[in-house]
Amino acid sequence: MSIIFLIALVVLLIISGWKVFEKAGHPGWASIVPIYNMIIMCRIAKKPEWWVILMFIPLVNYVVGIWIINRMVKGFGKSEGFTIGMIFLGFIFYPILAFGDADYDGNRLD
């Protein structure tokens, strides 16, 4: 029974990631391609693509990852509280971002 729940959760997160990328104006399929999805996340967060390299450095990757998540969330008009939710309860907050009424506006990040 738990394997079915786990598969359902993974499918939900894949669909949510796909939808978030599409809402931000990028192809949804990019969310399931390793490393390329990090490049697109940098674009959504309006950070340089070379930041992907920083995500491979231990400990630095936590800071950069949280920073990118925070910028992405702000692009959707959400607050730092939502960022904390994305970090600790991503399986709940990612679908909220994907299927909720939040629209991406990159101008919020300028």
PDB file of N, CA and C in Angstrom:
ATOM      1  N   MET A   1       0.817  -1.202   0.000  1.00  0.00           N
ATOM      2  CA  MET A   1       0.000   0.000   0.000  1.00  0.00           C
ATOM      3  C   MET A   1       0.860   1.266   0.000  1.00  0.00           C
ATOM      4  N   SER A   2       1.961   1.252   0.737  1.00  0.00           N
ATOM      5  CA  SER A   2       2.795   2.446   0.810  1.00  0.00           C
ATOM      6  C   SER A   2       3.493   2.721  -0.526  1.00  0.00           C
ATOM      7  N   ILE A   3       3.783   1.681  -1.313  1.00  0.00           N
ATOM      8  CA  ILE A   3       4.414   1.897  -2.613  1.00  0.00           C
ATOM      9  C   ILE A   3       3.462   2.618  -3.559  1.00  0.00           C
ATOM     10  N   ILE A   4       2.180   2.321  -3.470  1.00  0.00           N
ATOM     11  CA  ILE A   4       1.180   3.003  -4.296  1.00  0.00           C
ATOM     12  C   ILE A   4       1.106   4.482  -3.908  1.00  0.00           C
ATOM     13  N   PHE A   5       1.132   4.744  -2.604  1.00  0.00           N
ATOM     14  CA  PHE A   5       1.118   6.126  -2.127  1.00  0.00           C
ATOM     15  C   PHE A   5       2.355   6.871  -2.609  1.00  0.00           C
ATOM     16  N   LEU A   6       3.526   6.228  -2.534  1.00  0.00           N
ATOM     17  CA  LEU A   6       4.771   6.847  -2.964  1.00  0.00           C
ATOM     18  C   LEU A   6       4.752   7.154  -4.458  1.00  0.00           C
ATOM     19  N   ILE A   7       4.262   6.222  -5.259  1.00  0.00           N
ATOM     20  CA  ILE A   7       4.172   6.442  -6.712  1.00  0.00           C
ATOM     21  C   ILE A   7       3.222   7.590  -7.017  1.00  0.00           C
ATOM     22  N   ALA A   8       2.077   7.620  -6.313  1.00  0.00           N
ATOM     23  CA  ALA A   8       1.109   8.707  -6.515  1.00  0.00           C
ATOM     24  C   ALA A   8       1.728  10.055  -6.154  1.00  0.00           C
ATOM     25  N   LEU A   9       2.506  10.098  -5.080  1.00  0.00           N
ATOM     26  CA  LEU A   9       3.153  11.337  -4.657  1.00  0.00           C
ATOM     27  C   LEU A   9       4.180  11.804  -5.690  1.00  0.00           C
ATOM     28  N   VAL A  10       4.972  10.874  -6.215  1.00  0.00           N
ATOM     29  CA  VAL A  10       5.966  11.218  -7.227  1.00  0.00           C
ATOM     30  C   VAL A  10       5.281  11.743  -8.488  1.00  0.00           C
ATOM     31  N   VAL A  11       4.203  11.090  -8.910  1.00  0.00           N
ATOM     32  CA  VAL A  11       3.463  11.547 -10.091  1.00  0.00           C
ATOM     33  C   VAL A  11       2.897  12.943  -9.854  1.00  0.00           C
ATOM     34  N   LEU A  12       2.349  13.191  -8.666  1.00  0.00           N
ATOM     35  CA  LEU A  12       1.814  14.513  -8.334  1.00  0.00           C
ATOM     36  C   LEU A  12       2.913  15.578  -8.411  1.00  0.00           C
ATOM     37  N   LEU A  13       4.095  15.271  -7.893  1.00  0.00           N
ATOM     38  CA  LEU A  13       5.186  16.245  -7.920  1.00  0.00           C
ATOM     39  C   LEU A  13       5.710  16.477  -9.330  1.00  0.00           C
ATOM     40  N   ILE A  14       5.739  15.449 -10.159  1.00  0.00           N
ATOM     41  CA  ILE A  14       6.159  15.620 -11.555  1.00  0.00           C
ATOM     42  C   ILE A  14       5.172  16.510 -12.294  1.00  0.00           C
ATOM     43  N   ILE A  15       3.889  16.242 -12.111  1.00  0.00           N
ATOM     44  CA  ILE A  15       2.856  17.057 -12.762  1.00  0.00           C
ATOM     45  C   ILE A  15       2.917  18.502 -12.249  1.00  0.00           C
ATOM     46  N   SER A  16       3.144  18.666 -10.948  1.00  0.00           N
ATOM     47  CA  SER A  16       3.229  20.010 -10.367  1.00  0.00           C
ATOM     48  C   SER A  16       4.416  20.779 -10.929  1.00  0.00           C
ATOM     49  N   GLY A  17       5.575  20.124 -11.009  1.00  0.00           N
ATOM     50  CA  GLY A  17       6.753  20.772 -11.573  1.00  0.00           C
ATOM     51  C   GLY A  17       6.530  21.173 -13.016  1.00  0.00           C
ATOM     52  N   TRP A  18       5.903  20.278 -13.777  1.00  0.00           N
ATOM     53  CA  TRP A  18       5.581  20.546 -15.176  1.00  0.00           C
ATOM     54  C   TRP A  18       4.716  21.801 -15.280  1.00  0.00           C
ATOM     55  N   LYS A  19       3.685  21.861 -14.448  1.00  0.00           N
ATOM     56  CA  LYS A  19       2.739  22.978 -14.479  1.00  0.00           C
ATOM     57  C   LYS A  19       3.405  24.298 -14.050  1.00  0.00           C
ATOM     58  N   VAL A  20       4.262  24.248 -13.027  1.00  0.00           N
ATOM     59  CA  VAL A  20       4.957  25.454 -12.566  1.00  0.00           C
ATOM     60  C   VAL A  20       5.859  26.002 -13.679  1.00  0.00           C
ATOM     61  N   PHE A  21       6.581  25.122 -14.357  1.00  0.00           N
ATOM     62  CA  PHE A  21       7.439  25.565 -15.452  1.00  0.00           C
ATOM     63  C   PHE A  21       6.607  26.197 -16.564  1.00  0.00           C
ATOM     64  N   GLU A  22       5.476  25.587 -16.886  1.00  0.00           N
ATOM     65  CA  GLU A  22       4.616  26.151 -17.934  1.00  0.00           C
ATOM     66  C   GLU A  22       4.050  27.503 -17.522  1.00  0.00           C
ATOM     67  N   LYS A  23       3.657  27.643 -16.251  1.00  0.00           N
ATOM     68  CA  LYS A  23       3.141  28.929 -15.775  1.00  0.00           C
ATOM     69  C   LYS A  23       4.203  30.024 -15.878  1.00  0.00           C
ATOM     70  N   ALA A  24       5.464  29.633 -15.726  1.00  0.00           N
ATOM     71  CA  ALA A  24       6.561  30.602 -15.791  1.00  0.00           C
ATOM     72  C   ALA A  24       7.020  30.847 -17.233  1.00  0.00           C
ATOM     73  N   GLY A  25       6.347  30.215 -18.201  1.00  0.00           N
ATOM     74  CA  GLY A  25       6.660  30.465 -19.601  1.00  0.00           C
ATOM     75  C   GLY A  25       7.759  29.597 -20.184  1.00  0.00           C
ATOM     76  N   HIS A  26       8.034  28.472 -19.545  1.00  0.00           N
ATOM     77  CA  HIS A  26       9.055  27.543 -20.026  1.00  0.00           C
ATOM     78  C   HIS A  26       8.392  26.201 -20.330  1.00  0.00           C
ATOM     79  N   PRO A  27       9.048  25.377 -21.143  1.00  0.00           N
ATOM     80  CA  PRO A  27       8.432  24.083 -21.463  1.00  0.00           C
ATOM     81  C   PRO A  27       8.322  23.192 -20.225  1.00  0.00           C
ATOM     82  N   GLY A  28       7.181  22.564 -20.047  1.00  0.00           N
ATOM     83  CA  GLY A  28       6.954  21.713 -18.886  1.00  0.00           C
ATOM     84  C   GLY A  28       7.877  20.518 -18.826  1.00  0.00           C
ATOM     85  N   TRP A  29       8.205  19.958 -19.989  1.00  0.00           N
ATOM     86  CA  TRP A  29       9.068  18.776 -20.019  1.00  0.00           C
ATOM     87  C   TRP A  29      10.438  19.058 -19.424  1.00  0.00           C
ATOM     88  N   ALA A  30      10.842  20.318 -19.386  1.00  0.00           N
ATOM     89  CA  ALA A  30      12.155  20.672 -18.839  1.00  0.00           C
ATOM     90  C   ALA A  30      12.247  20.356 -17.346  1.00  0.00           C
ATOM     91  N   SER A  31      11.119  20.253 -16.676  1.00  0.00           N
ATOM     92  CA  SER A  31      11.136  19.989 -15.239  1.00  0.00           C
ATOM     93  C   SER A  31      11.582  18.571 -14.911  1.00  0.00           C
ATOM     94  N   ILE A  32      11.558  17.669 -15.880  1.00  0.00           N
ATOM     95  CA  ILE A  32      11.947  16.283 -15.599  1.00  0.00           C
ATOM     96  C   ILE A  32      13.319  15.926 -16.161  1.00  0.00           C
ATOM     97  N   VAL A  33      14.006  16.888 -16.744  1.00  0.00           N
ATOM     98  CA  VAL A  33      15.332  16.632 -17.309  1.00  0.00           C
ATOM     99  C   VAL A  33      16.388  17.092 -16.298  1.00  0.00           C
ATOM    100  N   PRO A  34      17.178  16.152 -15.774  1.00  0.00           N
ATOM    101  CA  PRO A  34      18.190  16.532 -14.777  1.00  0.00           C
ATOM    102  C   PRO A  34      19.151  17.597 -15.306  1.00  0.00           C
ATOM    103  N   ILE A  35      19.585  18.449 -14.453  1.00  0.00           N
ATOM    104  CA  ILE A  35      20.498  19.572 -14.673  1.00  0.00           C
ATOM    105  C   ILE A  35      19.838  20.670 -15.518  1.00  0.00           C
ATOM    106  N   TYR A  36      19.195  20.291 -16.624  1.00  0.00           N
ATOM    107  CA  TYR A  36      18.503  21.307 -17.422  1.00  0.00           C
ATOM    108  C   TYR A  36      17.393  21.959 -16.598  1.00  0.00           C
ATOM    109  N   ASN A  37      16.745  21.185 -15.720  1.00  0.00           N
ATOM    110  CA  ASN A  37      15.697  21.780 -14.890  1.00  0.00           C
ATOM    111  C   ASN A  37      16.281  22.816 -13.925  1.00  0.00           C
ATOM    112  N   MET A  38      17.526  22.624 -13.498  1.00  0.00           N
ATOM    113  CA  MET A  38      18.166  23.619 -12.642  1.00  0.00           C
ATOM    114  C   MET A  38      18.481  24.896 -13.428  1.00  0.00           C
ATOM    115  N   ILE A  39      18.851  24.735 -14.684  1.00  0.00           N
ATOM    116  CA  ILE A  39      19.109  25.896 -15.541  1.00  0.00           C
ATOM    117  C   ILE A  39      17.822  26.703 -15.704  1.00  0.00           C
ATOM    118  N   ILE A  40      16.724  26.022 -15.956  1.00  0.00           N
ATOM    119  CA  ILE A  40      15.435  26.703 -16.117  1.00  0.00           C
ATOM    120  C   ILE A  40      15.010  27.353 -14.799  1.00  0.00           C
ATOM    121  N   MET A  41      15.265  26.682 -13.673  1.00  0.00           N
ATOM    122  CA  MET A  41      14.929  27.290 -12.375  1.00  0.00           C
ATOM    123  C   MET A  41      15.708  28.589 -12.183  1.00  0.00           C
ATOM    124  N   CYS A  42      16.972  28.619 -12.610  1.00  0.00           N
ATOM    125  CA  CYS A  42      17.756  29.857 -12.534  1.00  0.00           C
ATOM    126  C   CYS A  42      17.137  30.938 -13.414  1.00  0.00           C
ATOM    127  N   ARG A  43      16.672  30.554 -14.581  1.00  0.00           N
ATOM    128  CA  ARG A  43      16.018  31.528 -15.466  1.00  0.00           C
ATOM    129  C   ARG A  43      14.737  32.056 -14.841  1.00  0.00           C
ATOM    130  N   ILE A  44      13.942  31.176 -14.251  1.00  0.00           N
ATOM    131  CA  ILE A  44      12.696  31.596 -13.603  1.00  0.00           C
ATOM    132  C   ILE A  44      13.004  32.560 -12.461  1.00  0.00           C
ATOM    133  N   ALA A  45      14.075  32.263 -11.707  1.00  0.00           N
ATOM    134  CA  ALA A  45      14.472  33.104 -10.576  1.00  0.00           C
ATOM    135  C   ALA A  45      15.254  34.337 -11.004  1.00  0.00           C
ATOM    136  N   LYS A  46      15.516  34.459 -12.314  1.00  0.00           N
ATOM    137  CA  LYS A  46      16.298  35.564 -12.867  1.00  0.00           C
ATOM    138  C   LYS A  46      17.678  35.650 -12.223  1.00  0.00           C
ATOM    139  N   LYS A  47      18.321  34.509 -12.163  1.00  0.00           N
ATOM    140  CA  LYS A  47      19.695  34.409 -11.690  1.00  0.00           C
ATOM    141  C   LYS A  47      20.534  33.841 -12.824  1.00  0.00           C
ATOM    142  N   PRO A  48      21.842  34.102 -12.831  1.00  0.00           N
ATOM    143  CA  PRO A  48      22.689  33.602 -13.916  1.00  0.00           C
ATOM    144  C   PRO A  48      22.715  32.073 -13.960  1.00  0.00           C
ATOM    145  N   GLU A  49      22.780  31.551 -15.166  1.00  0.00           N
ATOM    146  CA  GLU A  49      22.750  30.099 -15.336  1.00  0.00           C
ATOM    147  C   GLU A  49      23.976  29.415 -14.748  1.00  0.00           C
ATOM    148  N   TRP A  50      25.074  30.129 -14.585  1.00  0.00           N
ATOM    149  CA  TRP A  50      26.271  29.511 -14.015  1.00  0.00           C
ATOM    150  C   TRP A  50      26.074  29.148 -12.545  1.00  0.00           C
ATOM    151  N   TRP A  51      24.981  29.630 -11.929  1.00  0.00           N
ATOM    152  CA  TRP A  51      24.671  29.255 -10.549  1.00  0.00           C
ATOM    153  C   TRP A  51      24.431  27.754 -10.419  1.00  0.00           C
ATOM    154  N   VAL A  52      24.129  27.100 -11.536  1.00  0.00           N
ATOM    155  CA  VAL A  52      23.943  25.646 -11.515  1.00  0.00           C
ATOM    156  C   VAL A  52      25.222  24.982 -11.000  1.00  0.00           C
ATOM    157  N   ILE A  53      26.367  25.519 -11.357  1.00  0.00           N
ATOM    158  CA  ILE A  53      27.639  24.975 -10.883  1.00  0.00           C
ATOM    159  C   ILE A  53      27.712  25.043  -9.363  1.00  0.00           C
ATOM    160  N   LEU A  54      27.200  26.124  -8.791  1.00  0.00           N
ATOM    161  CA  LEU A  54      27.214  26.272  -7.334  1.00  0.00           C
ATOM    162  C   LEU A  54      26.369  25.204  -6.644  1.00  0.00           C
ATOM    163  N   MET A  55      25.398  24.668  -7.356  1.00  0.00           N
ATOM    164  CA  MET A  55      24.539  23.642  -6.768  1.00  0.00           C
ATOM    165  C   MET A  55      25.243  22.296  -6.620  1.00  0.00           C
ATOM    166  N   PHE A  56      26.440  22.186  -7.146  1.00  0.00           N
ATOM    167  CA  PHE A  56      27.221  20.957  -6.998  1.00  0.00           C
ATOM    168  C   PHE A  56      28.290  21.073  -5.913  1.00  0.00           C
ATOM    169  N   ILE A  57      28.337  22.216  -5.231  1.00  0.00           N
ATOM    170  CA  ILE A  57      29.309  22.430  -4.160  1.00  0.00           C
ATOM    171  C   ILE A  57      28.599  22.165  -2.827  1.00  0.00           C
ATOM    172  N   PRO A  58      29.113  21.213  -2.046  1.00  0.00           N
ATOM    173  CA  PRO A  58      28.477  20.903  -0.766  1.00  0.00           C
ATOM    174  C   PRO A  58      28.343  22.143   0.117  1.00  0.00           C
ATOM    175  N   LEU A  59      27.237  22.215   0.825  1.00  0.00           N
ATOM    176  CA  LEU A  59      26.832  23.304   1.711  1.00  0.00           C
ATOM    177  C   LEU A  59      26.434  24.562   0.950  1.00  0.00           C
ATOM    178  N   VAL A  60      27.186  24.940  -0.061  1.00  0.00           N
ATOM    179  CA  VAL A  60      26.818  26.101  -0.883  1.00  0.00           C
ATOM    180  C   VAL A  60      25.501  25.797  -1.592  1.00  0.00           C
ATOM    181  N   ASN A  61      25.302  24.525  -1.978  1.00  0.00           N
ATOM    182  CA  ASN A  61      24.097  24.153  -2.703  1.00  0.00           C
ATOM    183  C   ASN A  61      22.829  24.423  -1.890  1.00  0.00           C
ATOM    184  N   TYR A  62      22.905  24.311  -0.571  1.00  0.00           N
ATOM    185  CA  TYR A  62      21.731  24.607   0.251  1.00  0.00           C
ATOM    186  C   TYR A  62      21.359  26.085   0.163  1.00  0.00           C
ATOM    187  N   VAL A  63      22.358  26.945   0.286  1.00  0.00           N
ATOM    188  CA  VAL A  63      22.113  28.391   0.237  1.00  0.00           C
ATOM    189  C   VAL A  63      21.576  28.792  -1.133  1.00  0.00           C
ATOM    190  N   VAL A  64      22.226  28.334  -2.184  1.00  0.00           N
ATOM    191  CA  VAL A  64      21.817  28.679  -3.546  1.00  0.00           C
ATOM    192  C   VAL A  64      20.430  28.113  -3.843  1.00  0.00           C
ATOM    193  N   GLY A  65      20.189  26.876  -3.445  1.00  0.00           N
ATOM    194  CA  GLY A  65      18.887  26.256  -3.689  1.00  0.00           C
ATOM    195  C   GLY A  65      17.751  27.003  -3.009  1.00  0.00           C
ATOM    196  N   ILE A  66      17.965  27.368  -1.746  1.00  0.00           N
ATOM    197  CA  ILE A  66      16.939  28.123  -1.012  1.00  0.00           C
ATOM    198  C   ILE A  66      16.733  29.490  -1.650  1.00  0.00           C
ATOM    199  N   TRP A  67      17.818  30.129  -2.060  1.00  0.00           N
ATOM    200  CA  TRP A  67      17.738  31.442  -2.696  1.00  0.00           C
ATOM    201  C   TRP A  67      16.928  31.356  -3.993  1.00  0.00           C
ATOM    202  N   ILE A  68      17.195  30.344  -4.799  1.00  0.00           N
ATOM    203  CA  ILE A  68      16.477  30.192  -6.064  1.00  0.00           C
ATOM    204  C   ILE A  68      15.008  29.879  -5.817  1.00  0.00           C
ATOM    205  N   ILE A  69      14.723  29.018  -4.855  1.00  0.00           N
ATOM    206  CA  ILE A  69      13.322  28.718  -4.524  1.00  0.00           C
ATOM    207  C   ILE A  69      12.613  29.989  -4.072  1.00  0.00           C
ATOM    208  N   ASN A  70      13.273  30.777  -3.223  1.00  0.00           N
ATOM    209  CA  ASN A  70      12.670  32.017  -2.741  1.00  0.00           C
ATOM    210  C   ASN A  70      12.384  32.978  -3.886  1.00  0.00           C
ATOM    211  N   ARG A  71      13.327  33.130  -4.796  1.00  0.00           N
ATOM    212  CA  ARG A  71      13.117  34.027  -5.946  1.00  0.00           C
ATOM    213  C   ARG A  71      11.995  33.520  -6.844  1.00  0.00           C
ATOM    214  N   MET A  72      11.949  32.215  -7.057  1.00  0.00           N
ATOM    215  CA  MET A  72      10.890  31.639  -7.890  1.00  0.00           C
ATOM    216  C   MET A  72       9.522  31.903  -7.253  1.00  0.00           C
ATOM    217  N   VAL A  73       9.429  31.663  -5.952  1.00  0.00           N
ATOM    218  CA  VAL A  73       8.176  31.863  -5.229  1.00  0.00           C
ATOM    219  C   VAL A  73       7.752  33.333  -5.289  1.00  0.00           C
ATOM    220  N   LYS A  74       8.704  34.244  -5.141  1.00  0.00           N
ATOM    221  CA  LYS A  74       8.390  35.674  -5.225  1.00  0.00           C
ATOM    222  C   LYS A  74       7.923  36.056  -6.622  1.00  0.00           C
ATOM    223  N   GLY A  75       8.447  35.373  -7.642  1.00  0.00           N
ATOM    224  CA  GLY A  75       7.982  35.612  -9.005  1.00  0.00           C
ATOM    225  C   GLY A  75       6.517  35.251  -9.182  1.00  0.00           C
ATOM    226  N   PHE A  76       6.037  34.345  -8.353  1.00  0.00           N
ATOM    227  CA  PHE A  76       4.629  33.970  -8.376  1.00  0.00           C
ATOM    228  C   PHE A  76       3.801  34.791  -7.388  1.00  0.00           C
ATOM    229  N   GLY A  77       4.431  35.790  -6.756  1.00  0.00           N
ATOM    230  CA  GLY A  77       3.711  36.687  -5.856  1.00  0.00           C
ATOM    231  C   GLY A  77       3.495  36.138  -4.463  1.00  0.00           C
ATOM    232  N   LYS A  78       4.273  35.153  -4.079  1.00  0.00           N
ATOM    233  CA  LYS A  78       4.142  34.560  -2.748  1.00  0.00           C
ATOM    234  C   LYS A  78       5.213  35.131  -1.824  1.00  0.00           C
ATOM    235  N   SER A  79       5.062  34.880  -0.518  1.00  0.00           N
ATOM    236  CA  SER A  79       5.951  35.464   0.486  1.00  0.00           C
ATOM    237  C   SER A  79       7.039  34.483   0.928  1.00  0.00           C
ATOM    238  N   GLU A  80       7.868  34.949   1.864  1.00  0.00           N
ATOM    239  CA  GLU A  80       8.920  34.106   2.418  1.00  0.00           C
ATOM    240  C   GLU A  80       8.342  32.926   3.188  1.00  0.00           C
ATOM    241  N   GLY A  81       7.164  33.107   3.772  1.00  0.00           N
ATOM    242  CA  GLY A  81       6.494  32.000   4.455  1.00  0.00           C
ATOM    243  C   GLY A  81       6.197  30.858   3.498  1.00  0.00           C
ATOM    244  N   PHE A  82       5.820  31.192   2.290  1.00  0.00           N
ATOM    245  CA  PHE A  82       5.568  30.169   1.268  1.00  0.00           C
ATOM    246  C   PHE A  82       6.874  29.486   0.888  1.00  0.00           C
ATOM    247  N   THR A  83       7.966  30.242   0.885  1.00  0.00           N
ATOM    248  CA  THR A  83       9.282  29.653   0.610  1.00  0.00           C
ATOM    249  C   THR A  83       9.611  28.601   1.657  1.00  0.00           C
ATOM    250  N   ILE A  84       9.377  28.906   2.914  1.00  0.00           N
ATOM    251  CA  ILE A  84       9.637  27.938   3.988  1.00  0.00           C
ATOM    252  C   ILE A  84       8.769  26.702   3.797  1.00  0.00           C
ATOM    253  N   GLY A  85       7.524  26.911   3.389  1.00  0.00           N
ATOM    254  CA  GLY A  85       6.648  25.780   3.095  1.00  0.00           C
ATOM    255  C   GLY A  85       7.178  24.939   1.946  1.00  0.00           C
ATOM    256  N   MET A  86       7.710  25.587   0.919  1.00  0.00           N
ATOM    257  CA  MET A  86       8.279  24.862  -0.225  1.00  0.00           C
ATOM    258  C   MET A  86       9.485  24.030   0.203  1.00  0.00           C
ATOM    259  N   ILE A  87      10.262  24.548   1.141  1.00  0.00           N
ATOM    260  CA  ILE A  87      11.473  23.848   1.577  1.00  0.00           C
ATOM    261  C   ILE A  87      11.120  22.634   2.436  1.00  0.00           C
ATOM    262  N   PHE A  88      10.237  22.813   3.408  1.00  0.00           N
ATOM    263  CA  PHE A  88       9.961  21.745   4.360  1.00  0.00           C
ATOM    264  C   PHE A  88       8.767  20.870   4.000  1.00  0.00           C
ATOM    265  N   LEU A  89       7.815  21.404   3.269  1.00  0.00           N
ATOM    266  CA  LEU A  89       6.611  20.656   2.876  1.00  0.00           C
ATOM    267  C   LEU A  89       6.350  20.827   1.388  1.00  0.00           C
ATOM    268  N   GLY A  90       7.375  20.602   0.594  1.00  0.00           N
ATOM    269  CA  GLY A  90       7.278  20.800  -0.847  1.00  0.00           C
ATOM    270  C   GLY A  90       6.185  19.980  -1.500  1.00  0.00           C
ATOM    271  N   PHE A  91       5.921  18.786  -0.973  1.00  0.00           N
ATOM    272  CA  PHE A  91       4.884  17.937  -1.552  1.00  0.00           C
ATOM    273  C   PHE A  91       3.491  18.524  -1.382  1.00  0.00           C
ATOM    274  N   ILE A  92       3.342  19.507  -0.499  1.00  0.00           N
ATOM    275  CA  ILE A  92       2.061  20.212  -0.335  1.00  0.00           C
ATOM    276  C   ILE A  92       2.097  21.543  -1.082  1.00  0.00           C
ATOM    277  N   PHE A  93       3.178  22.300  -0.920  1.00  0.00           N
ATOM    278  CA  PHE A  93       3.248  23.651  -1.456  1.00  0.00           C
ATOM    279  C   PHE A  93       3.501  23.704  -2.960  1.00  0.00           C
ATOM    280  N   TYR A  94       4.225  22.720  -3.498  1.00  0.00           N
ATOM    281  CA  TYR A  94       4.473  22.719  -4.948  1.00  0.00           C
ATOM    282  C   TYR A  94       3.163  22.568  -5.722  1.00  0.00           C
ATOM    283  N   PRO A  95       2.272  21.626  -5.340  1.00  0.00           N
ATOM    284  CA  PRO A  95       0.970  21.565  -6.027  1.00  0.00           C
ATOM    285  C   PRO A  95       0.124  22.824  -5.821  1.00  0.00           C
ATOM    286  N   ILE A  96       0.229  23.459  -4.657  1.00  0.00           N
ATOM    287  CA  ILE A  96      -0.506  24.711  -4.434  1.00  0.00           C
ATOM    288  C   ILE A  96      -0.029  25.764  -5.422  1.00  0.00           C
ATOM    289  N   LEU A  97       1.287  25.853  -5.616  1.00  0.00           N
ATOM    290  CA  LEU A  97       1.841  26.813  -6.566  1.00  0.00           C
ATOM    291  C   LEU A  97       1.429  26.460  -7.989  1.00  0.00           C
ATOM    292  N   ALA A  98       1.417  25.172  -8.298  1.00  0.00           N
ATOM    293  CA  ALA A  98       1.104  24.723  -9.656  1.00  0.00           C
ATOM    294  C   ALA A  98      -0.363  24.889 -10.010  1.00  0.00           C
ATOM    295  N   PHE A  99      -1.242  24.502  -9.113  1.00  0.00           N
ATOM    296  CA  PHE A  99      -2.664  24.463  -9.437  1.00  0.00           C
ATOM    297  C   PHE A  99      -3.465  25.607  -8.828  1.00  0.00           C
ATOM    298  N   GLY A 100      -2.800  26.466  -8.063  1.00  0.00           N
ATOM    299  CA  GLY A 100      -3.467  27.624  -7.484  1.00  0.00           C
ATOM    300  C   GLY A 100      -3.606  28.737  -8.509  1.00  0.00           C
ATOM    301  N   ASP A 101      -4.075  29.876  -8.053  1.00  0.00           N
ATOM    302  CA  ASP A 101      -4.332  30.992  -8.968  1.00  0.00           C
ATOM    303  C   ASP A 101      -3.131  31.921  -9.135  1.00  0.00           C
ATOM    304  N   ALA A 102      -1.981  31.572  -8.559  1.00  0.00           N
ATOM    305  CA  ALA A 102      -0.789  32.418  -8.670  1.00  0.00           C
ATOM    306  C   ALA A 102      -0.262  32.412 -10.105  1.00  0.00           C
ATOM    307  N   ASP A 103       0.013  33.594 -10.616  1.00  0.00           N
ATOM    308  CA  ASP A 103       0.577  33.746 -11.951  1.00  0.00           C
ATOM    309  C   ASP A 103       2.002  34.273 -11.825  1.00  0.00           C
ATOM    310  N   TYR A 104       2.863  33.806 -12.709  1.00  0.00           N
ATOM    311  CA  TYR A 104       4.254  34.238 -12.688  1.00  0.00           C
ATOM    312  C   TYR A 104       4.386  35.592 -13.374  1.00  0.00           C
ATOM    313  N   ASP A 105       5.107  36.488 -12.723  1.00  0.00           N
ATOM    314  CA  ASP A 105       5.440  37.784 -13.310  1.00  0.00           C
ATOM    315  C   ASP A 105       6.897  38.079 -12.955  1.00  0.00           C
ATOM    316  N   GLY A 106       7.761  37.947 -13.936  1.00  0.00           N
ATOM    317  CA  GLY A 106       9.186  38.166 -13.715  1.00  0.00           C
ATOM    318  C   GLY A 106       9.521  39.577 -13.277  1.00  0.00           C
ATOM    319  N   ASN A 107       8.639  40.529 -13.542  1.00  0.00           N
ATOM    320  CA  ASN A 107       8.887  41.917 -13.127  1.00  0.00           C
ATOM    321  C   ASN A 107       8.892  42.063 -11.608  1.00  0.00           C
ATOM    322  N   ARG A 108       8.293  41.118 -10.908  1.00  0.00           N
ATOM    323  CA  ARG A 108       8.310  41.161  -9.443  1.00  0.00           C
ATOM    324  C   ARG A 108       9.716  40.949  -8.896  1.00  0.00           C
ATOM    325  N   LEU A 109      10.590  40.400  -9.702  1.00  0.00           N
ATOM    326  CA  LEU A 109      11.946  40.080  -9.263  1.00  0.00           C
ATOM    327  C   LEU A 109      12.941  41.180  -9.575  1.00  0.00           C
ATOM    328  N   ASP A 110      12.534  42.229 -10.234  1.00  0.00           N
ATOM    329  CA  ASP A 110      13.445  43.316 -10.580  1.00  0.00           C
ATOM    330  C   ASP A 110      13.607  44.302  -9.455  1.00  0.00           C
TER     331      ASP A 110
END
